[in-house]
Amino acid sequence: MSTRQLQVRLPDDLIRRLRERISVRQRSAFVQRLLEQALPPVVDDDELYQAAILVEQDEALNTDMAAWDGRP
């Protein structure tokens, strides 16, 4: 996986706490873990997900499925 540098602005107190608790060599990994936990996974590139979206949007299929389930 390639990496890139990112500059962010944070409050002084937060930066102080980060520097006190996380060593210089561990800061990138720490921030990476936080972002991975906080951000939803990327699903747009997932072919199965895209197929499921298309199935959900298929009106004819939804009508047939409703009939199979006994729904009007």
C-alpha atoms as a PDB file:
ATOM      1  CA  MET A   1       0.000   0.000   0.000  1.00  0.00           C
ATOM      2  CA  SER A   2       1.409   3.381  -0.941  1.00  0.00           C
ATOM      3  CA  THR A   3       1.260   6.187   1.580  1.00  0.00           C
ATOM      4  CA  ARG A   4       1.017   9.960   1.422  1.00  0.00           C
ATOM      5  CA  GLN A   5       1.634  12.700   3.897  1.00  0.00           C
ATOM      6  CA  LEU A   6      -1.322  14.709   5.215  1.00  0.00           C
ATOM      7  CA  GLN A   7      -1.261  17.991   7.079  1.00  0.00           C
ATOM      8  CA  VAL A   8      -4.105  18.624   9.532  1.00  0.00           C
ATOM      9  CA  ARG A   9      -4.809  21.370  12.028  1.00  0.00           C
ATOM     10  CA  LEU A  10      -5.760  20.352  15.566  1.00  0.00           C
ATOM     11  CA  PRO A  11      -6.259  22.245  18.818  1.00  0.00           C
ATOM     12  CA  ASP A  12      -3.091  22.808  20.859  1.00  0.00           C
ATOM     13  CA  ASP A  13      -4.390  20.769  23.799  1.00  0.00           C
ATOM     14  CA  LEU A  14      -5.124  17.767  21.591  1.00  0.00           C
ATOM     15  CA  ILE A  15      -1.675  17.909  20.013  1.00  0.00           C
ATOM     16  CA  ARG A  16      -0.076  18.145  23.461  1.00  0.00           C
ATOM     17  CA  ARG A  17      -1.993  15.061  24.650  1.00  0.00           C
ATOM     18  CA  LEU A  18      -1.054  13.145  21.498  1.00  0.00           C
ATOM     19  CA  ARG A  19       2.635  13.982  21.916  1.00  0.00           C
ATOM     20  CA  GLU A  20       2.571  13.040  25.605  1.00  0.00           C
ATOM     21  CA  ARG A  21       0.968   9.641  25.051  1.00  0.00           C
ATOM     22  CA  ILE A  22       2.015   8.433  21.593  1.00  0.00           C
ATOM     23  CA  SER A  23       5.665   8.120  20.591  1.00  0.00           C
ATOM     24  CA  VAL A  24       6.865   9.803  17.412  1.00  0.00           C
ATOM     25  CA  ARG A  25       7.318   6.443  15.673  1.00  0.00           C
ATOM     26  CA  GLN A  26       3.779   5.323  16.512  1.00  0.00           C
ATOM     27  CA  ARG A  27       1.757   8.444  15.619  1.00  0.00           C
ATOM     28  CA  SER A  28       1.018   7.629  11.993  1.00  0.00           C
ATOM     29  CA  ALA A  29      -0.152   4.112  12.864  1.00  0.00           C
ATOM     30  CA  PHE A  30      -2.244   5.505  15.720  1.00  0.00           C
ATOM     31  CA  VAL A  31      -4.003   8.037  13.484  1.00  0.00           C
ATOM     32  CA  GLN A  32      -4.449   5.399  10.770  1.00  0.00           C
ATOM     33  CA  ARG A  33      -6.182   3.031  13.224  1.00  0.00           C
ATOM     34  CA  LEU A  34      -8.470   5.817  14.432  1.00  0.00           C
ATOM     35  CA  LEU A  35      -9.470   6.738  10.884  1.00  0.00           C
ATOM     36  CA  GLU A  36     -10.044   3.123   9.863  1.00  0.00           C
ATOM     37  CA  GLN A  37     -12.335   2.652  12.872  1.00  0.00           C
ATOM     38  CA  ALA A  38     -14.199   5.932  12.369  1.00  0.00           C
ATOM     39  CA  LEU A  39     -14.726   5.881   8.601  1.00  0.00           C
ATOM     40  CA  PRO A  40     -17.161   3.520   6.880  1.00  0.00           C
ATOM     41  CA  PRO A  41     -15.579   0.961   4.578  1.00  0.00           C
ATOM     42  CA  VAL A  42     -15.457   1.706   0.867  1.00  0.00           C
ATOM     43  CA  VAL A  43     -18.099  -0.408  -0.804  1.00  0.00           C
ATOM     44  CA  ASP A  44     -18.538   1.393  -4.124  1.00  0.00           C
ATOM     45  CA  ASP A  45     -15.828  -0.737  -5.749  1.00  0.00           C
ATOM     46  CA  ASP A  46     -17.297  -4.017  -4.480  1.00  0.00           C
ATOM     47  CA  GLU A  47     -18.864  -5.818  -7.464  1.00  0.00           C
ATOM     48  CA  LEU A  48     -21.209  -7.869  -5.267  1.00  0.00           C
ATOM     49  CA  TYR A  49     -22.459  -4.705  -3.559  1.00  0.00           C
ATOM     50  CA  GLN A  50     -23.062  -3.047  -6.932  1.00  0.00           C
ATOM     51  CA  ALA A  51     -24.991  -6.114  -8.127  1.00  0.00           C
ATOM     52  CA  ALA A  52     -27.148  -6.028  -4.984  1.00  0.00           C
ATOM     53  CA  ILE A  53     -27.954  -2.349  -5.581  1.00  0.00           C
ATOM     54  CA  LEU A  54     -29.023  -3.115  -9.137  1.00  0.00           C
ATOM     55  CA  VAL A  55     -31.238  -5.975  -7.939  1.00  0.00           C
ATOM     56  CA  GLU A  56     -32.887  -3.724  -5.348  1.00  0.00           C
ATOM     57  CA  GLN A  57     -33.628  -1.134  -8.045  1.00  0.00           C
ATOM     58  CA  ASP A  58     -35.133  -3.630 -10.515  1.00  0.00           C
ATOM     59  CA  GLU A  59     -38.874  -2.850 -10.422  1.00  0.00           C
ATOM     60  CA  ALA A  60     -39.930  -5.969 -12.336  1.00  0.00           C
ATOM     61  CA  LEU A  61     -37.966  -8.210  -9.994  1.00  0.00           C
ATOM     62  CA  ASN A  62     -39.367  -6.425  -6.935  1.00  0.00           C
ATOM     63  CA  THR A  63     -42.909  -6.877  -8.286  1.00  0.00           C
ATOM     64  CA  ASP A  64     -42.287 -10.601  -8.837  1.00  0.00           C
ATOM     65  CA  MET A  65     -40.777 -10.999  -5.375  1.00  0.00           C
ATOM     66  CA  ALA A  66     -43.715  -9.211  -3.795  1.00  0.00           C
ATOM     67  CA  ALA A  67     -46.070 -11.613  -5.597  1.00  0.00           C
ATOM     68  CA  TRP A  68     -44.073 -14.599  -4.340  1.00  0.00           C
ATOM     69  CA  ASP A  69     -44.324 -13.260  -0.800  1.00  0.00           C
ATOM     70  CA  GLY A  70     -48.071 -12.722  -1.177  1.00  0.00           C
ATOM     71  CA  ARG A  71     -47.757  -8.941  -0.974  1.00  0.00           C
ATOM     72  CA  PRO A  72     -49.963  -6.766  -3.191  1.00  0.00           C
END
